[in-house]
Amino acid sequence: MTVANGDHSVSDYLLNQKFDYIFFTGSSRIGKQVMKKAAENLIPLSLELGGKNPCVVADDARLDFAARRIAWGRMH
């Protein structure tokens, strides 16, 4: 897994690459561009748009800890 932060020039560059899967969190405006490019290249994706507490819980995570930490992050 790789995380990339940056402005539109970074996303433009990245969206021209061939990925196995895209997980995007951000605005719905940019999410539409990501979805369009992923569809053109038949890349599966997940969009988390406009949320304030995005997270990924791994298959091997302890759900009691994950739930507590996610709830804490949402409330603070």
N, C-alpha and C. Protein backbone atom coordinates (compact mmCIF):
# COMPACT_ATOMS: atom_id res chain seq x y z
N MET A 1 0.84 -1.16 0.00
CA MET A 1 0.00 0.00 0.00
C MET A 1 0.89 1.23 0.00
N THR A 2 0.50 2.24 -0.77
CA THR A 2 1.22 3.50 -0.82
C THR A 2 0.23 4.63 -0.64
N VAL A 3 0.62 5.64 0.10
CA VAL A 3 -0.19 6.84 0.29
C VAL A 3 0.52 7.98 -0.38
N ALA A 4 -0.21 8.77 -1.17
CA ALA A 4 0.38 9.93 -1.84
C ALA A 4 -0.45 11.17 -1.52
N ASN A 5 0.20 12.19 -1.03
CA ASN A 5 -0.45 13.48 -0.77
C ASN A 5 0.05 14.49 -1.78
N GLY A 6 -0.81 15.42 -2.16
CA GLY A 6 -0.36 16.46 -3.07
C GLY A 6 -1.52 17.17 -3.72
N ASP A 7 -1.18 18.08 -4.61
CA ASP A 7 -2.20 18.85 -5.31
C ASP A 7 -2.63 18.12 -6.58
N HIS A 8 -3.35 18.83 -7.44
CA HIS A 8 -3.90 18.20 -8.65
C HIS A 8 -2.82 17.65 -9.58
N SER A 9 -1.62 18.23 -9.58
CA SER A 9 -0.57 17.72 -10.47
C SER A 9 -0.14 16.31 -10.06
N VAL A 10 -0.14 16.05 -8.75
CA VAL A 10 0.20 14.71 -8.26
C VAL A 10 -0.90 13.73 -8.65
N SER A 11 -2.16 14.12 -8.45
CA SER A 11 -3.26 13.21 -8.79
C SER A 11 -3.33 12.97 -10.30
N ASP A 12 -3.06 14.01 -11.10
CA ASP A 12 -3.04 13.83 -12.56
C ASP A 12 -1.98 12.80 -12.96
N TYR A 13 -0.81 12.92 -12.38
CA TYR A 13 0.27 11.97 -12.68
C TYR A 13 -0.12 10.55 -12.25
N LEU A 14 -0.59 10.43 -11.01
CA LEU A 14 -0.92 9.10 -10.49
C LEU A 14 -2.04 8.43 -11.26
N LEU A 15 -3.03 9.20 -11.70
CA LEU A 15 -4.17 8.60 -12.39
C LEU A 15 -3.82 8.09 -13.78
N ASN A 16 -2.64 8.42 -14.27
CA ASN A 16 -2.18 7.88 -15.55
C ASN A 16 -1.38 6.59 -15.38
N GLN A 17 -1.23 6.14 -14.13
CA GLN A 17 -0.52 4.89 -13.85
C GLN A 17 -1.52 3.74 -13.80
N LYS A 18 -1.01 2.53 -13.92
CA LYS A 18 -1.85 1.33 -13.86
C LYS A 18 -1.82 0.75 -12.45
N PHE A 19 -2.91 0.87 -11.74
CA PHE A 19 -3.01 0.36 -10.38
C PHE A 19 -3.91 -0.86 -10.34
N ASP A 20 -3.73 -1.69 -9.31
CA ASP A 20 -4.61 -2.83 -9.09
C ASP A 20 -5.90 -2.37 -8.41
N TYR A 21 -5.80 -1.33 -7.58
CA TYR A 21 -6.94 -0.85 -6.81
C TYR A 21 -6.65 0.58 -6.36
N ILE A 22 -7.67 1.41 -6.31
CA ILE A 22 -7.53 2.79 -5.83
C ILE A 22 -8.47 2.99 -4.65
N PHE A 23 -7.96 3.54 -3.57
CA PHE A 23 -8.77 3.98 -2.44
C PHE A 23 -8.56 5.47 -2.34
N PHE A 24 -9.60 6.25 -2.61
CA PHE A 24 -9.48 7.71 -2.60
C PHE A 24 -10.33 8.29 -1.49
N THR A 25 -9.74 9.20 -0.74
CA THR A 25 -10.49 9.97 0.24
C THR A 25 -10.24 11.44 -0.05
N GLY A 26 -11.32 12.19 -0.12
CA GLY A 26 -11.21 13.61 -0.44
C GLY A 26 -12.54 14.18 -0.89
N SER A 27 -12.45 15.23 -1.67
CA SER A 27 -13.67 15.93 -2.10
C SER A 27 -14.40 15.17 -3.20
N SER A 28 -15.70 15.44 -3.29
CA SER A 28 -16.48 14.79 -4.35
C SER A 28 -16.09 15.32 -5.72
N ARG A 29 -15.63 16.55 -5.80
CA ARG A 29 -15.20 17.12 -7.09
C ARG A 29 -14.02 16.33 -7.65
N ILE A 30 -13.01 16.09 -6.85
CA ILE A 30 -11.85 15.32 -7.29
C ILE A 30 -12.21 13.84 -7.39
N GLY A 31 -13.09 13.37 -6.51
CA GLY A 31 -13.53 11.98 -6.56
C GLY A 31 -14.15 11.62 -7.89
N LYS A 32 -14.88 12.55 -8.49
CA LYS A 32 -15.47 12.32 -9.82
C LYS A 32 -14.38 12.12 -10.87
N GLN A 33 -13.32 12.91 -10.78
CA GLN A 33 -12.21 12.76 -11.73
C GLN A 33 -11.50 11.42 -11.53
N VAL A 34 -11.32 11.04 -10.27
CA VAL A 34 -10.67 9.76 -9.96
C VAL A 34 -11.52 8.61 -10.50
N MET A 35 -12.83 8.69 -10.27
CA MET A 35 -13.73 7.63 -10.73
C MET A 35 -13.74 7.53 -12.25
N LYS A 36 -13.74 8.66 -12.94
CA LYS A 36 -13.73 8.67 -14.40
C LYS A 36 -12.47 7.99 -14.94
N LYS A 37 -11.33 8.37 -14.39
CA LYS A 37 -10.06 7.80 -14.85
C LYS A 37 -9.97 6.31 -14.52
N ALA A 38 -10.44 5.92 -13.33
CA ALA A 38 -10.43 4.50 -12.96
C ALA A 38 -11.33 3.71 -13.89
N ALA A 39 -12.48 4.26 -14.26
CA ALA A 39 -13.40 3.57 -15.16
C ALA A 39 -12.78 3.40 -16.54
N GLU A 40 -12.09 4.41 -17.01
CA GLU A 40 -11.43 4.33 -18.32
C GLU A 40 -10.41 3.20 -18.36
N ASN A 41 -9.75 2.95 -17.24
CA ASN A 41 -8.70 1.93 -17.17
C ASN A 41 -9.16 0.64 -16.48
N LEU A 42 -10.47 0.55 -16.19
CA LEU A 42 -11.06 -0.62 -15.54
C LEU A 42 -10.35 -0.98 -14.23
N ILE A 43 -10.07 0.04 -13.42
CA ILE A 43 -9.42 -0.14 -12.13
C ILE A 43 -10.50 -0.07 -11.04
N PRO A 44 -10.63 -1.11 -10.21
CA PRO A 44 -11.60 -1.04 -9.12
C PRO A 44 -11.18 0.02 -8.11
N LEU A 45 -12.17 0.63 -7.44
CA LEU A 45 -11.83 1.68 -6.49
C LEU A 45 -12.85 1.78 -5.38
N SER A 46 -12.45 2.43 -4.31
CA SER A 46 -13.32 2.83 -3.21
C SER A 46 -13.19 4.33 -3.06
N LEU A 47 -14.33 4.99 -2.90
CA LEU A 47 -14.33 6.43 -2.69
C LEU A 47 -14.86 6.73 -1.29
N GLU A 48 -14.16 7.56 -0.55
CA GLU A 48 -14.61 8.05 0.74
C GLU A 48 -14.62 9.56 0.58
N LEU A 49 -15.80 10.13 0.34
CA LEU A 49 -15.89 11.53 -0.05
C LEU A 49 -16.44 12.40 1.06
N GLY A 50 -15.68 13.41 1.42
CA GLY A 50 -16.15 14.42 2.35
C GLY A 50 -16.25 13.98 3.80
N GLY A 51 -15.78 12.81 4.11
CA GLY A 51 -15.84 12.33 5.49
C GLY A 51 -14.81 13.00 6.36
N LYS A 52 -15.03 12.94 7.64
CA LYS A 52 -14.10 13.56 8.58
C LYS A 52 -13.27 12.54 9.34
N ASN A 53 -13.51 11.25 9.10
CA ASN A 53 -12.80 10.23 9.86
C ASN A 53 -12.57 8.99 9.00
N PRO A 54 -11.87 9.13 7.86
CA PRO A 54 -11.65 7.95 7.03
C PRO A 54 -10.69 6.99 7.72
N CYS A 55 -10.93 5.70 7.53
CA CYS A 55 -10.04 4.71 8.12
C CYS A 55 -10.17 3.39 7.36
N VAL A 56 -9.16 2.57 7.53
CA VAL A 56 -9.15 1.23 6.97
C VAL A 56 -8.87 0.29 8.13
N VAL A 57 -9.66 -0.76 8.24
CA VAL A 57 -9.46 -1.76 9.28
C VAL A 57 -9.01 -3.04 8.59
N ALA A 58 -7.82 -3.49 8.91
CA ALA A 58 -7.25 -4.69 8.30
C ALA A 58 -7.97 -5.95 8.78
N ASP A 59 -7.87 -7.00 7.99
CA ASP A 59 -8.51 -8.28 8.32
C ASP A 59 -8.04 -8.83 9.66
N ASP A 60 -6.79 -8.58 10.01
CA ASP A 60 -6.25 -9.15 11.25
C ASP A 60 -6.33 -8.19 12.44
N ALA A 61 -7.06 -7.09 12.30
CA ALA A 61 -7.18 -6.11 13.38
C ALA A 61 -8.02 -6.65 14.52
N ARG A 62 -7.73 -6.19 15.72
CA ARG A 62 -8.59 -6.49 16.88
C ARG A 62 -9.74 -5.50 16.83
N LEU A 63 -10.92 -5.99 16.53
CA LEU A 63 -12.07 -5.13 16.29
C LEU A 63 -12.45 -4.30 17.51
N ASP A 64 -12.27 -4.81 18.72
CA ASP A 64 -12.60 -4.03 19.91
C ASP A 64 -11.71 -2.79 20.01
N PHE A 65 -10.41 -2.95 19.74
CA PHE A 65 -9.51 -1.80 19.74
C PHE A 65 -9.81 -0.86 18.57
N ALA A 66 -10.02 -1.42 17.39
CA ALA A 66 -10.29 -0.58 16.21
C ALA A 66 -11.54 0.24 16.42
N ALA A 67 -12.62 -0.37 16.90
CA ALA A 67 -13.87 0.35 17.11
C ALA A 67 -13.69 1.47 18.13
N ARG A 68 -12.97 1.19 19.22
CA ARG A 68 -12.74 2.21 20.25
C ARG A 68 -11.93 3.37 19.69
N ARG A 69 -10.90 3.07 18.93
CA ARG A 69 -10.04 4.14 18.39
C ARG A 69 -10.75 4.94 17.31
N ILE A 70 -11.55 4.28 16.50
CA ILE A 70 -12.31 5.01 15.47
C ILE A 70 -13.31 5.94 16.14
N ALA A 71 -14.01 5.44 17.14
CA ALA A 71 -14.98 6.27 17.86
C ALA A 71 -14.28 7.45 18.53
N TRP A 72 -13.13 7.20 19.15
CA TRP A 72 -12.38 8.29 19.80
C TRP A 72 -11.98 9.35 18.77
N GLY A 73 -11.47 8.89 17.61
CA GLY A 73 -11.06 9.83 16.56
C GLY A 73 -12.22 10.66 16.04
N ARG A 74 -13.38 10.07 15.99
CA ARG A 74 -14.55 10.78 15.49
C ARG A 74 -15.02 11.85 16.48
N MET A 75 -14.86 11.60 17.77
CA MET A 75 -15.36 12.51 18.79
C MET A 75 -14.37 13.63 19.14
N HIS A 76 -13.13 13.50 18.71
CA HIS A 76 -12.13 14.52 19.08
C HIS A 76 -11.64 15.31 17.92
